[in-house]
Amino acid sequence: MPKINFINPEGKNIEIDAPVGLSILEVAHQNNIDLEGACEGSLACSTCHVVVDSEWYDLLPTATEDEEDMLDLAFGLTHTSRLGCQIIVTDELDGLVVRLPSATRNMMV
């Protein structure tokens, strides 16, 4: 089972065994990682924004236009930002490192 490394805003690494086929958002929720996901993964918000470590970013499928539009609303956007609901765990992502931003911008409330 691939391992995903979540780095919380305080810099603590939380390594999780992640089932293939789940999204990073789903893995976070199943393991009590503080990643909001206000729209429950329907690509209608930016609250599951994560920053992917640069060494892993190019291994991910390219973001869709819809994901890019939602990322424009994210707090602390970087050039390796992605939405956790759009990153699906694969065996190739074993060791993936994602950082959780210190805040989110929830436009759904």
PDB file of N, CA and C in Angstrom:
ATOM      1  N   MET A   1       0.854  -1.179   0.000  1.00  0.00           N
ATOM      2  CA  MET A   1       0.000   0.000   0.000  1.00  0.00           C
ATOM      3  C   MET A   1       0.902   1.244   0.000  1.00  0.00           C
ATOM      4  N   PRO A   2       0.639   2.183  -0.918  1.00  0.00           N
ATOM      5  CA  PRO A   2       1.460   3.399  -0.968  1.00  0.00           C
ATOM      6  C   PRO A   2       1.366   4.207   0.323  1.00  0.00           C
ATOM      7  N   LYS A   3       2.433   4.910   0.636  1.00  0.00           N
ATOM      8  CA  LYS A   3       2.462   5.796   1.792  1.00  0.00           C
ATOM      9  C   LYS A   3       2.382   7.237   1.288  1.00  0.00           C
ATOM     10  N   ILE A   4       1.540   8.017   1.966  1.00  0.00           N
ATOM     11  CA  ILE A   4       1.404   9.440   1.664  1.00  0.00           C
ATOM     12  C   ILE A   4       1.858  10.202   2.901  1.00  0.00           C
ATOM     13  N   ASN A   5       2.674  11.229   2.697  1.00  0.00           N
ATOM     14  CA  ASN A   5       3.180  12.054   3.782  1.00  0.00           C
ATOM     15  C   ASN A   5       2.460  13.392   3.775  1.00  0.00           C
ATOM     16  N   PHE A   6       1.700  13.639   4.829  1.00  0.00           N
ATOM     17  CA  PHE A   6       1.025  14.915   5.018  1.00  0.00           C
ATOM     18  C   PHE A   6       1.885  15.741   5.973  1.00  0.00           C
ATOM     19  N   ILE A   7       2.265  16.944   5.551  1.00  0.00           N
ATOM     20  CA  ILE A   7       3.010  17.852   6.416  1.00  0.00           C
ATOM     21  C   ILE A   7       2.020  18.910   6.896  1.00  0.00           C
ATOM     22  N   ASN A   8       1.755  18.924   8.212  1.00  0.00           N
ATOM     23  CA  ASN A   8       0.768  19.874   8.723  1.00  0.00           C
ATOM     24  C   ASN A   8       1.381  21.281   8.784  1.00  0.00           C
ATOM     25  N   PRO A   9       0.559  22.304   9.038  1.00  0.00           N
ATOM     26  CA  PRO A   9       1.076  23.677   9.044  1.00  0.00           C
ATOM     27  C   PRO A   9       2.206  23.920  10.053  1.00  0.00           C
ATOM     28  N   GLU A  10       2.290  23.093  11.082  1.00  0.00           N
ATOM     29  CA  GLU A  10       3.362  23.238  12.068  1.00  0.00           C
ATOM     30  C   GLU A  10       4.642  22.510  11.634  1.00  0.00           C
ATOM     31  N   GLY A  11       4.609  21.821  10.501  1.00  0.00           N
ATOM     32  CA  GLY A  11       5.781  21.140   9.975  1.00  0.00           C
ATOM     33  C   GLY A  11       5.901  19.680  10.365  1.00  0.00           C
ATOM     34  N   LYS A  12       4.900  19.144  11.069  1.00  0.00           N
ATOM     35  CA  LYS A  12       4.943  17.739  11.480  1.00  0.00           C
ATOM     36  C   LYS A  12       4.550  16.838  10.310  1.00  0.00           C
ATOM     37  N   ASN A  13       5.348  15.781  10.067  1.00  0.00           N
ATOM     38  CA  ASN A  13       5.051  14.807   9.024  1.00  0.00           C
ATOM     39  C   ASN A  13       4.159  13.702   9.587  1.00  0.00           C
ATOM     40  N   ILE A  14       3.064  13.443   8.907  1.00  0.00           N
ATOM     41  CA  ILE A  14       2.152  12.363   9.273  1.00  0.00           C
ATOM     42  C   ILE A  14       2.118  11.406   8.084  1.00  0.00           C
ATOM     43  N   GLU A  15       2.712  10.222   8.259  1.00  0.00           N
ATOM     44  CA  GLU A  15       2.774   9.233   7.173  1.00  0.00           C
ATOM     45  C   GLU A  15       1.587   8.289   7.293  1.00  0.00           C
ATOM     46  N   ILE A  16       0.857   8.134   6.191  1.00  0.00           N
ATOM     47  CA  ILE A  16      -0.368   7.342   6.157  1.00  0.00           C
ATOM     48  C   ILE A  16      -0.264   6.287   5.058  1.00  0.00           C
ATOM     49  N   ASP A  17      -0.691   5.054   5.369  1.00  0.00           N
ATOM     50  CA  ASP A  17      -0.873   4.039   4.339  1.00  0.00           C
ATOM     51  C   ASP A  17      -2.162   4.381   3.609  1.00  0.00           C
ATOM     52  N   ALA A  18      -2.069   4.543   2.289  1.00  0.00           N
ATOM     53  CA  ALA A  18      -3.210   5.015   1.509  1.00  0.00           C
ATOM     54  C   ALA A  18      -3.629   3.985   0.472  1.00  0.00           C
ATOM     55  N   PRO A  19      -4.881   3.561   0.510  1.00  0.00           N
ATOM     56  CA  PRO A  19      -5.359   2.612  -0.496  1.00  0.00           C
ATOM     57  C   PRO A  19      -5.341   3.217  -1.907  1.00  0.00           C
ATOM     58  N   VAL A  20      -4.885   2.450  -2.867  1.00  0.00           N
ATOM     59  CA  VAL A  20      -4.896   2.870  -4.264  1.00  0.00           C
ATOM     60  C   VAL A  20      -6.343   3.142  -4.681  1.00  0.00           C
ATOM     61  N   GLY A  21      -6.535   4.227  -5.429  1.00  0.00           N
ATOM     62  CA  GLY A  21      -7.855   4.564  -5.948  1.00  0.00           C
ATOM     63  C   GLY A  21      -8.587   5.625  -5.156  1.00  0.00           C
ATOM     64  N   LEU A  22      -8.151   5.895  -3.920  1.00  0.00           N
ATOM     65  CA  LEU A  22      -8.773   6.964  -3.136  1.00  0.00           C
ATOM     66  C   LEU A  22      -8.095   8.291  -3.471  1.00  0.00           C
ATOM     67  N   SER A  23      -8.808   9.378  -3.230  1.00  0.00           N
ATOM     68  CA  SER A  23      -8.200  10.696  -3.405  1.00  0.00           C
ATOM     69  C   SER A  23      -7.436  11.069  -2.134  1.00  0.00           C
ATOM     70  N   ILE A  24      -6.548  12.023  -2.264  1.00  0.00           N
ATOM     71  CA  ILE A  24      -5.822  12.534  -1.096  1.00  0.00           C
ATOM     72  C   ILE A  24      -6.815  13.072  -0.065  1.00  0.00           C
ATOM     73  N   LEU A  25      -7.874  13.703  -0.520  1.00  0.00           N
ATOM     74  CA  LEU A  25      -8.910  14.199   0.391  1.00  0.00           C
ATOM     75  C   LEU A  25      -9.541  13.049   1.165  1.00  0.00           C
ATOM     76  N   GLU A  26      -9.901  11.967   0.486  1.00  0.00           N
ATOM     77  CA  GLU A  26     -10.510  10.815   1.156  1.00  0.00           C
ATOM     78  C   GLU A  26      -9.549  10.186   2.164  1.00  0.00           C
ATOM     79  N   VAL A  27      -8.285  10.066   1.778  1.00  0.00           N
ATOM     80  CA  VAL A  27      -7.275   9.510   2.687  1.00  0.00           C
ATOM     81  C   VAL A  27      -7.159  10.381   3.924  1.00  0.00           C
ATOM     82  N   ALA A  28      -7.126  11.696   3.721  1.00  0.00           N
ATOM     83  CA  ALA A  28      -7.031  12.622   4.853  1.00  0.00           C
ATOM     84  C   ALA A  28      -8.227  12.453   5.788  1.00  0.00           C
ATOM     85  N   HIS A  29      -9.425  12.419   5.244  1.00  0.00           N
ATOM     86  CA  HIS A  29     -10.624  12.295   6.077  1.00  0.00           C
ATOM     87  C   HIS A  29     -10.656  10.968   6.835  1.00  0.00           C
ATOM     88  N   GLN A  30     -10.241   9.880   6.192  1.00  0.00           N
ATOM     89  CA  GLN A  30     -10.248   8.573   6.858  1.00  0.00           C
ATOM     90  C   GLN A  30      -9.232   8.493   7.992  1.00  0.00           C
ATOM     91  N   ASN A  31      -8.259   9.410   7.998  1.00  0.00           N
ATOM     92  CA  ASN A  31      -7.188   9.347   8.975  1.00  0.00           C
ATOM     93  C   ASN A  31      -7.124  10.592   9.871  1.00  0.00           C
ATOM     94  N   ASN A  32      -8.231  11.319   9.939  1.00  0.00           N
ATOM     95  CA  ASN A  32      -8.339  12.502  10.797  1.00  0.00           C
ATOM     96  C   ASN A  32      -7.263  13.549  10.533  1.00  0.00           C
ATOM     97  N   ILE A  33      -6.883  13.695   9.264  1.00  0.00           N
ATOM     98  CA  ILE A  33      -5.972  14.769   8.853  1.00  0.00           C
ATOM     99  C   ILE A  33      -6.842  15.991   8.571  1.00  0.00           C
ATOM    100  N   ASP A  34      -6.427  17.151   9.056  1.00  0.00           N
ATOM    101  CA  ASP A  34      -7.230  18.369   8.963  1.00  0.00           C
ATOM    102  C   ASP A  34      -7.161  18.973   7.560  1.00  0.00           C
ATOM    103  N   LEU A  35      -7.938  18.390   6.648  1.00  0.00           N
ATOM    104  CA  LEU A  35      -8.078  18.885   5.281  1.00  0.00           C
ATOM    105  C   LEU A  35      -9.576  19.013   5.026  1.00  0.00           C
ATOM    106  N   GLU A  36     -10.044  20.246   4.867  1.00  0.00           N
ATOM    107  CA  GLU A  36     -11.481  20.519   4.941  1.00  0.00           C
ATOM    108  C   GLU A  36     -12.331  19.787   3.892  1.00  0.00           C
ATOM    109  N   GLY A  37     -12.244  20.151   2.638  1.00  0.00           N
ATOM    110  CA  GLY A  37     -13.076  19.518   1.613  1.00  0.00           C
ATOM    111  C   GLY A  37     -14.545  19.870   1.753  1.00  0.00           C
ATOM    112  N   ALA A  38     -14.862  21.161   1.809  1.00  0.00           N
ATOM    113  CA  ALA A  38     -16.236  21.624   2.046  1.00  0.00           C
ATOM    114  C   ALA A  38     -17.233  21.100   1.014  1.00  0.00           C
ATOM    115  N   CYS A  39     -16.803  20.917  -0.228  1.00  0.00           N
ATOM    116  CA  CYS A  39     -17.721  20.454  -1.279  1.00  0.00           C
ATOM    117  C   CYS A  39     -17.710  18.934  -1.414  1.00  0.00           C
ATOM    118  N   GLU A  40     -17.009  18.264  -0.505  1.00  0.00           N
ATOM    119  CA  GLU A  40     -16.937  16.799  -0.470  1.00  0.00           C
ATOM    120  C   GLU A  40     -16.359  16.203  -1.749  1.00  0.00           C
ATOM    121  N   GLY A  41     -15.425  16.917  -2.357  1.00  0.00           N
ATOM    122  CA  GLY A  41     -14.733  16.381  -3.524  1.00  0.00           C
ATOM    123  C   GLY A  41     -15.435  16.579  -4.844  1.00  0.00           C
ATOM    124  N   SER A  42     -16.400  17.486  -4.902  1.00  0.00           N
ATOM    125  CA  SER A  42     -17.149  17.688  -6.148  1.00  0.00           C
ATOM    126  C   SER A  42     -16.545  18.773  -7.039  1.00  0.00           C
ATOM    127  N   LEU A  43     -15.341  19.232  -6.718  1.00  0.00           N
ATOM    128  CA  LEU A  43     -14.631  20.242  -7.496  1.00  0.00           C
ATOM    129  C   LEU A  43     -15.412  21.561  -7.556  1.00  0.00           C
ATOM    130  N   ALA A  44     -15.974  21.945  -6.400  1.00  0.00           N
ATOM    131  CA  ALA A  44     -16.749  23.181  -6.326  1.00  0.00           C
ATOM    132  C   ALA A  44     -16.188  24.155  -5.293  1.00  0.00           C
ATOM    133  N   CYS A  45     -14.988  23.869  -4.755  1.00  0.00           N
ATOM    134  CA  CYS A  45     -14.364  24.773  -3.791  1.00  0.00           C
ATOM    135  C   CYS A  45     -12.854  24.554  -3.839  1.00  0.00           C
ATOM    136  N   SER A  46     -12.142  25.252  -2.987  1.00  0.00           N
ATOM    137  CA  SER A  46     -10.685  25.098  -2.945  1.00  0.00           C
ATOM    138  C   SER A  46     -10.194  24.720  -1.549  1.00  0.00           C
ATOM    139  N   THR A  47     -11.095  24.230  -0.698  1.00  0.00           N
ATOM    140  CA  THR A  47     -10.726  23.979   0.702  1.00  0.00           C
ATOM    141  C   THR A  47      -9.896  22.718   0.906  1.00  0.00           C
ATOM    142  N   CYS A  48      -9.703  21.913  -0.119  1.00  0.00           N
ATOM    143  CA  CYS A  48      -8.812  20.752  -0.004  1.00  0.00           C
ATOM    144  C   CYS A  48      -7.480  21.032  -0.693  1.00  0.00           C
ATOM    145  N   HIS A  49      -7.162  22.307  -0.832  1.00  0.00           N
ATOM    146  CA  HIS A  49      -5.898  22.742  -1.443  1.00  0.00           C
ATOM    147  C   HIS A  49      -4.723  22.171  -0.665  1.00  0.00           C
ATOM    148  N   VAL A  50      -3.797  21.561  -1.396  1.00  0.00           N
ATOM    149  CA  VAL A  50      -2.532  21.084  -0.821  1.00  0.00           C
ATOM    150  C   VAL A  50      -1.392  21.577  -1.710  1.00  0.00           C
ATOM    151  N   VAL A  51      -0.213  21.655  -1.116  1.00  0.00           N
ATOM    152  CA  VAL A  51       0.982  22.013  -1.874  1.00  0.00           C
ATOM    153  C   VAL A  51       1.820  20.748  -2.010  1.00  0.00           C
ATOM    154  N   VAL A  52       1.986  20.306  -3.234  1.00  0.00           N
ATOM    155  CA  VAL A  52       2.722  19.081  -3.529  1.00  0.00           C
ATOM    156  C   VAL A  52       4.212  19.415  -3.580  1.00  0.00           C
ATOM    157  N   ASP A  53       5.032  18.621  -2.893  1.00  0.00           N
ATOM    158  CA  ASP A  53       6.475  18.827  -2.990  1.00  0.00           C
ATOM    159  C   ASP A  53       6.896  18.762  -4.446  1.00  0.00           C
ATOM    160  N   SER A  54       7.808  19.637  -4.834  1.00  0.00           N
ATOM    161  CA  SER A  54       8.174  19.790  -6.250  1.00  0.00           C
ATOM    162  C   SER A  54       8.678  18.499  -6.887  1.00  0.00           C
ATOM    163  N   GLU A  55       9.341  17.639  -6.112  1.00  0.00           N
ATOM    164  CA  GLU A  55       9.847  16.394  -6.704  1.00  0.00           C
ATOM    165  C   GLU A  55       8.722  15.455  -7.127  1.00  0.00           C
ATOM    166  N   TRP A  56       7.535  15.648  -6.615  1.00  0.00           N
ATOM    167  CA  TRP A  56       6.389  14.794  -6.938  1.00  0.00           C
ATOM    168  C   TRP A  56       5.433  15.430  -7.939  1.00  0.00           C
ATOM    169  N   TYR A  57       5.489  16.739  -8.065  1.00  0.00           N
ATOM    170  CA  TYR A  57       4.477  17.469  -8.834  1.00  0.00           C
ATOM    171  C   TYR A  57       4.354  16.973 -10.275  1.00  0.00           C
ATOM    172  N   ASP A  58       5.471  16.755 -10.940  1.00  0.00           N
ATOM    173  CA  ASP A  58       5.430  16.344 -12.351  1.00  0.00           C
ATOM    174  C   ASP A  58       4.951  14.913 -12.554  1.00  0.00           C
ATOM    175  N   LEU A  59       4.854  14.137 -11.481  1.00  0.00           N
ATOM    176  CA  LEU A  59       4.346  12.766 -11.591  1.00  0.00           C
ATOM    177  C   LEU A  59       2.817  12.724 -11.591  1.00  0.00           C
ATOM    178  N   LEU A  60       2.198  13.849 -11.237  1.00  0.00           N
ATOM    179  CA  LEU A  60       0.732  13.906 -11.197  1.00  0.00           C
ATOM    180  C   LEU A  60       0.172  14.212 -12.578  1.00  0.00           C
ATOM    181  N   PRO A  61      -1.029  13.703 -12.870  1.00  0.00           N
ATOM    182  CA  PRO A  61      -1.689  14.118 -14.109  1.00  0.00           C
ATOM    183  C   PRO A  61      -1.897  15.635 -14.095  1.00  0.00           C
ATOM    184  N   THR A  62      -1.886  16.231 -15.252  1.00  0.00           N
ATOM    185  CA  THR A  62      -2.089  17.677 -15.361  1.00  0.00           C
ATOM    186  C   THR A  62      -3.462  18.065 -14.818  1.00  0.00           C
ATOM    187  N   ALA A  63      -3.503  19.188 -14.112  1.00  0.00           N
ATOM    188  CA  ALA A  63      -4.765  19.689 -13.572  1.00  0.00           C
ATOM    189  C   ALA A  63      -5.708  20.074 -14.713  1.00  0.00           C
ATOM    190  N   THR A  64      -6.985  19.796 -14.519  1.00  0.00           N
ATOM    191  CA  THR A  64      -7.990  20.191 -15.511  1.00  0.00           C
ATOM    192  C   THR A  64      -8.236  21.694 -15.407  1.00  0.00           C
ATOM    193  N   GLU A  65      -8.900  22.235 -16.389  1.00  0.00           N
ATOM    194  CA  GLU A  65      -9.250  23.658 -16.359  1.00  0.00           C
ATOM    195  C   GLU A  65     -10.151  23.965 -15.165  1.00  0.00           C
ATOM    196  N   ASP A  66     -11.080  23.057 -14.858  1.00  0.00           N
ATOM    197  CA  ASP A  66     -11.969  23.258 -13.703  1.00  0.00           C
ATOM    198  C   ASP A  66     -11.172  23.302 -12.396  1.00  0.00           C
ATOM    199  N   GLU A  67     -10.182  22.413 -12.264  1.00  0.00           N
ATOM    200  CA  GLU A  67      -9.354  22.432 -11.057  1.00  0.00           C
ATOM    201  C   GLU A  67      -8.551  23.733 -10.983  1.00  0.00           C
ATOM    202  N   GLU A  68      -7.990  24.157 -12.100  1.00  0.00           N
ATOM    203  CA  GLU A  68      -7.233  25.414 -12.139  1.00  0.00           C
ATOM    204  C   GLU A  68      -8.109  26.593 -11.713  1.00  0.00           C
ATOM    205  N   ASP A  69      -9.372  26.607 -12.171  1.00  0.00           N
ATOM    206  CA  ASP A  69     -10.294  27.684 -11.792  1.00  0.00           C
ATOM    207  C   ASP A  69     -10.520  27.709 -10.281  1.00  0.00           C
ATOM    208  N   MET A  70     -10.690  26.535  -9.672  1.00  0.00           N
ATOM    209  CA  MET A  70     -10.904  26.470  -8.222  1.00  0.00           C
ATOM    210  C   MET A  70      -9.620  26.840  -7.467  1.00  0.00           C
ATOM    211  N   LEU A  71      -8.479  26.421  -7.993  1.00  0.00           N
ATOM    212  CA  LEU A  71      -7.205  26.764  -7.341  1.00  0.00           C
ATOM    213  C   LEU A  71      -6.984  28.267  -7.281  1.00  0.00           C
ATOM    214  N   ASP A  72      -7.526  28.998  -8.270  1.00  0.00           N
ATOM    215  CA  ASP A  72      -7.391  30.462  -8.259  1.00  0.00           C
ATOM    216  C   ASP A  72      -7.988  31.074  -6.995  1.00  0.00           C
ATOM    217  N   LEU A  73      -8.883  30.348  -6.331  1.00  0.00           N
ATOM    218  CA  LEU A  73      -9.531  30.839  -5.114  1.00  0.00           C
ATOM    219  C   LEU A  73      -8.817  30.398  -3.839  1.00  0.00           C
ATOM    220  N   ALA A  74      -7.788  29.580  -3.980  1.00  0.00           N
ATOM    221  CA  ALA A  74      -7.129  28.981  -2.815  1.00  0.00           C
ATOM    222  C   ALA A  74      -6.248  29.983  -2.074  1.00  0.00           C
ATOM    223  N   PHE A  75      -6.206  29.824  -0.760  1.00  0.00           N
ATOM    224  CA  PHE A  75      -5.320  30.612   0.096  1.00  0.00           C
ATOM    225  C   PHE A  75      -3.901  30.068  -0.026  1.00  0.00           C
ATOM    226  N   GLY A  76      -2.918  30.941  -0.216  1.00  0.00           N
ATOM    227  CA  GLY A  76      -1.522  30.516  -0.246  1.00  0.00           C
ATOM    228  C   GLY A  76      -1.135  29.724  -1.474  1.00  0.00           C
ATOM    229  N   LEU A  77      -1.721  30.036  -2.607  1.00  0.00           N
ATOM    230  CA  LEU A  77      -1.472  29.321  -3.858  1.00  0.00           C
ATOM    231  C   LEU A  77       0.014  29.356  -4.233  1.00  0.00           C
ATOM    232  N   THR A  78       0.533  28.209  -4.676  1.00  0.00           N
ATOM    233  CA  THR A  78       1.921  28.118  -5.145  1.00  0.00           C
ATOM    234  C   THR A  78       1.927  27.467  -6.525  1.00  0.00           C
ATOM    235  N   HIS A  79       3.099  27.381  -7.145  1.00  0.00           N
ATOM    236  CA  HIS A  79       3.181  26.758  -8.474  1.00  0.00           C
ATOM    237  C   HIS A  79       3.032  25.236  -8.416  1.00  0.00           C
ATOM    238  N   THR A  80       3.045  24.636  -7.218  1.00  0.00           N
ATOM    239  CA  THR A  80       2.806  23.189  -7.097  1.00  0.00           C
ATOM    240  C   THR A  80       1.528  22.900  -6.313  1.00  0.00           C
ATOM    241  N   SER A  81       0.616  23.852  -6.291  1.00  0.00           N
ATOM    242  CA  SER A  81      -0.671  23.660  -5.612  1.00  0.00           C
ATOM    243  C   SER A  81      -1.579  22.759  -6.435  1.00  0.00           C
ATOM    244  N   ARG A  82      -2.309  21.920  -5.729  1.00  0.00           N
ATOM    245  CA  ARG A  82      -3.334  21.066  -6.338  1.00  0.00           C
ATOM    246  C   ARG A  82      -4.472  20.921  -5.353  1.00  0.00           C
ATOM    247  N   LEU A  83      -5.598  20.415  -5.824  1.00  0.00           N
ATOM    248  CA  LEU A  83      -6.714  20.097  -4.940  1.00  0.00           C
ATOM    249  C   LEU A  83      -6.609  18.628  -4.552  1.00  0.00           C
ATOM    250  N   GLY A  84      -6.711  18.363  -3.261  1.00  0.00           N
ATOM    251  CA  GLY A  84      -6.590  17.001  -2.757  1.00  0.00           C
ATOM    252  C   GLY A  84      -7.635  16.055  -3.326  1.00  0.00           C
ATOM    253  N   CYS A  85      -8.786  16.584  -3.689  1.00  0.00           N
ATOM    254  CA  CYS A  85      -9.843  15.733  -4.244  1.00  0.00           C
ATOM    255  C   CYS A  85      -9.511  15.262  -5.651  1.00  0.00           C
ATOM    256  N   GLN A  86      -8.529  15.897  -6.287  1.00  0.00           N
ATOM    257  CA  GLN A  86      -8.189  15.563  -7.671  1.00  0.00           C
ATOM    258  C   GLN A  86      -6.921  14.727  -7.799  1.00  0.00           C
ATOM    259  N   ILE A  87      -6.260  14.452  -6.680  1.00  0.00           N
ATOM    260  CA  ILE A  87      -5.070  13.600  -6.703  1.00  0.00           C
ATOM    261  C   ILE A  87      -5.495  12.211  -6.257  1.00  0.00           C
ATOM    262  N   ILE A  88      -5.416  11.246  -7.158  1.00  0.00           N
ATOM    263  CA  ILE A  88      -5.817   9.874  -6.864  1.00  0.00           C
ATOM    264  C   ILE A  88      -4.567   9.052  -6.557  1.00  0.00           C
ATOM    265  N   VAL A  89      -4.609   8.319  -5.460  1.00  0.00           N
ATOM    266  CA  VAL A  89      -3.472   7.515  -5.031  1.00  0.00           C
ATOM    267  C   VAL A  89      -3.233   6.377  -6.021  1.00  0.00           C
ATOM    268  N   THR A  90      -1.975   6.267  -6.451  1.00  0.00           N
ATOM    269  CA  THR A  90      -1.521   5.158  -7.297  1.00  0.00           C
ATOM    270  C   THR A  90      -0.258   4.587  -6.665  1.00  0.00           C
ATOM    271  N   ASP A  91       0.141   3.405  -7.094  1.00  0.00           N
ATOM    272  CA  ASP A  91       1.385   2.820  -6.596  1.00  0.00           C
ATOM    273  C   ASP A  91       2.585   3.718  -6.897  1.00  0.00           C
ATOM    274  N   GLU A  92       2.535   4.446  -8.016  1.00  0.00           N
ATOM    275  CA  GLU A  92       3.631   5.326  -8.404  1.00  0.00           C
ATOM    276  C   GLU A  92       3.793   6.508  -7.453  1.00  0.00           C
ATOM    277  N   LEU A  93       2.759   6.807  -6.680  1.00  0.00           N
ATOM    278  CA  LEU A  93       2.823   7.934  -5.749  1.00  0.00           C
ATOM    279  C   LEU A  93       3.258   7.519  -4.345  1.00  0.00           C
ATOM    280  N   ASP A  94       3.791   6.304  -4.210  1.00  0.00           N
ATOM    281  CA  ASP A  94       4.282   5.838  -2.911  1.00  0.00           C
ATOM    282  C   ASP A  94       5.368   6.787  -2.413  1.00  0.00           C
ATOM    283  N   GLY A  95       5.115   7.448  -1.272  1.00  0.00           N
ATOM    284  CA  GLY A  95       6.051   8.410  -0.697  1.00  0.00           C
ATOM    285  C   GLY A  95       5.675   9.858  -0.965  1.00  0.00           C
ATOM    286  N   LEU A  96       4.597  10.087  -1.707  1.00  0.00           N
ATOM    287  CA  LEU A  96       4.147  11.443  -2.032  1.00  0.00           C
ATOM    288  C   LEU A  96       4.132  12.322  -0.790  1.00  0.00           C
ATOM    289  N   VAL A  97       4.588  13.565  -0.950  1.00  0.00           N
ATOM    290  CA  VAL A  97       4.594  14.535   0.141  1.00  0.00           C
ATOM    291  C   VAL A  97       3.698  15.704  -0.246  1.00  0.00           C
ATOM    292  N   VAL A  98       2.685  15.962   0.594  1.00  0.00           N
ATOM    293  CA  VAL A  98       1.813  17.121   0.403  1.00  0.00           C
ATOM    294  C   VAL A  98       1.804  17.943   1.686  1.00  0.00           C
ATOM    295  N   ARG A  99       1.839  19.247   1.518  1.00  0.00           N
ATOM    296  CA  ARG A  99       1.808  20.169   2.654  1.00  0.00           C
ATOM    297  C   ARG A  99       0.422  20.790   2.766  1.00  0.00           C
ATOM    298  N   LEU A 100      -0.050  20.871   3.993  1.00  0.00           N
ATOM    299  CA  LEU A 100      -1.346  21.478   4.248  1.00  0.00           C
ATOM    300  C   LEU A 100      -1.147  22.964   4.515  1.00  0.00           C
ATOM    301  N   PRO A 101      -1.868  23.835   3.816  1.00  0.00           N
ATOM    302  CA  PRO A 101      -1.721  25.268   4.051  1.00  0.00           C
ATOM    303  C   PRO A 101      -2.161  25.646   5.466  1.00  0.00           C
ATOM    304  N   SER A 102      -1.718  26.798   5.914  1.00  0.00           N
ATOM    305  CA  SER A 102      -2.056  27.248   7.265  1.00  0.00           C
ATOM    306  C   SER A 102      -3.495  27.743   7.369  1.00  0.00           C
ATOM    307  N   ALA A 103      -4.160  27.959   6.231  1.00  0.00           N
ATOM    308  CA  ALA A 103      -5.549  28.438   6.234  1.00  0.00           C
ATOM    309  C   ALA A 103      -6.217  28.003   4.945  1.00  0.00           C
ATOM    310  N   THR A 104      -7.541  28.072   4.943  1.00  0.00           N
ATOM    311  CA  THR A 104      -8.307  27.826   3.713  1.00  0.00           C
ATOM    312  C   THR A 104      -9.253  28.987   3.495  1.00  0.00           C
ATOM    313  N   ARG A 105      -9.776  29.068   2.286  1.00  0.00           N
ATOM    314  CA  ARG A 105     -10.743  30.109   1.948  1.00  0.00           C
ATOM    315  C   ARG A 105     -12.006  29.390   1.503  1.00  0.00           C
ATOM    316  N   ASN A 106     -13.009  29.332   2.384  1.00  0.00           N
ATOM    317  CA  ASN A 106     -14.242  28.616   2.093  1.00  0.00           C
ATOM    318  C   ASN A 106     -15.282  29.590   1.543  1.00  0.00           C
ATOM    319  N   MET A 107     -15.524  29.509   0.254  1.00  0.00           N
ATOM    320  CA  MET A 107     -16.492  30.398  -0.405  1.00  0.00           C
ATOM    321  C   MET A 107     -17.907  29.805  -0.391  1.00  0.00           C
ATOM    322  N   MET A 108     -18.058  28.626   0.217  1.00  0.00           N
ATOM    323  CA  MET A 108     -19.348  27.934   0.187  1.00  0.00           C
ATOM    324  C   MET A 108     -20.266  28.332   1.345  1.00  0.00           C
ATOM    325  N   VAL A 109     -19.751  29.079   2.310  1.00  0.00           N
ATOM    326  CA  VAL A 109     -20.595  29.450   3.465  1.00  0.00           C
ATOM    327  C   VAL A 109     -21.227  30.782   3.267  1.00  0.00           C
TER     328      VAL A 109
END
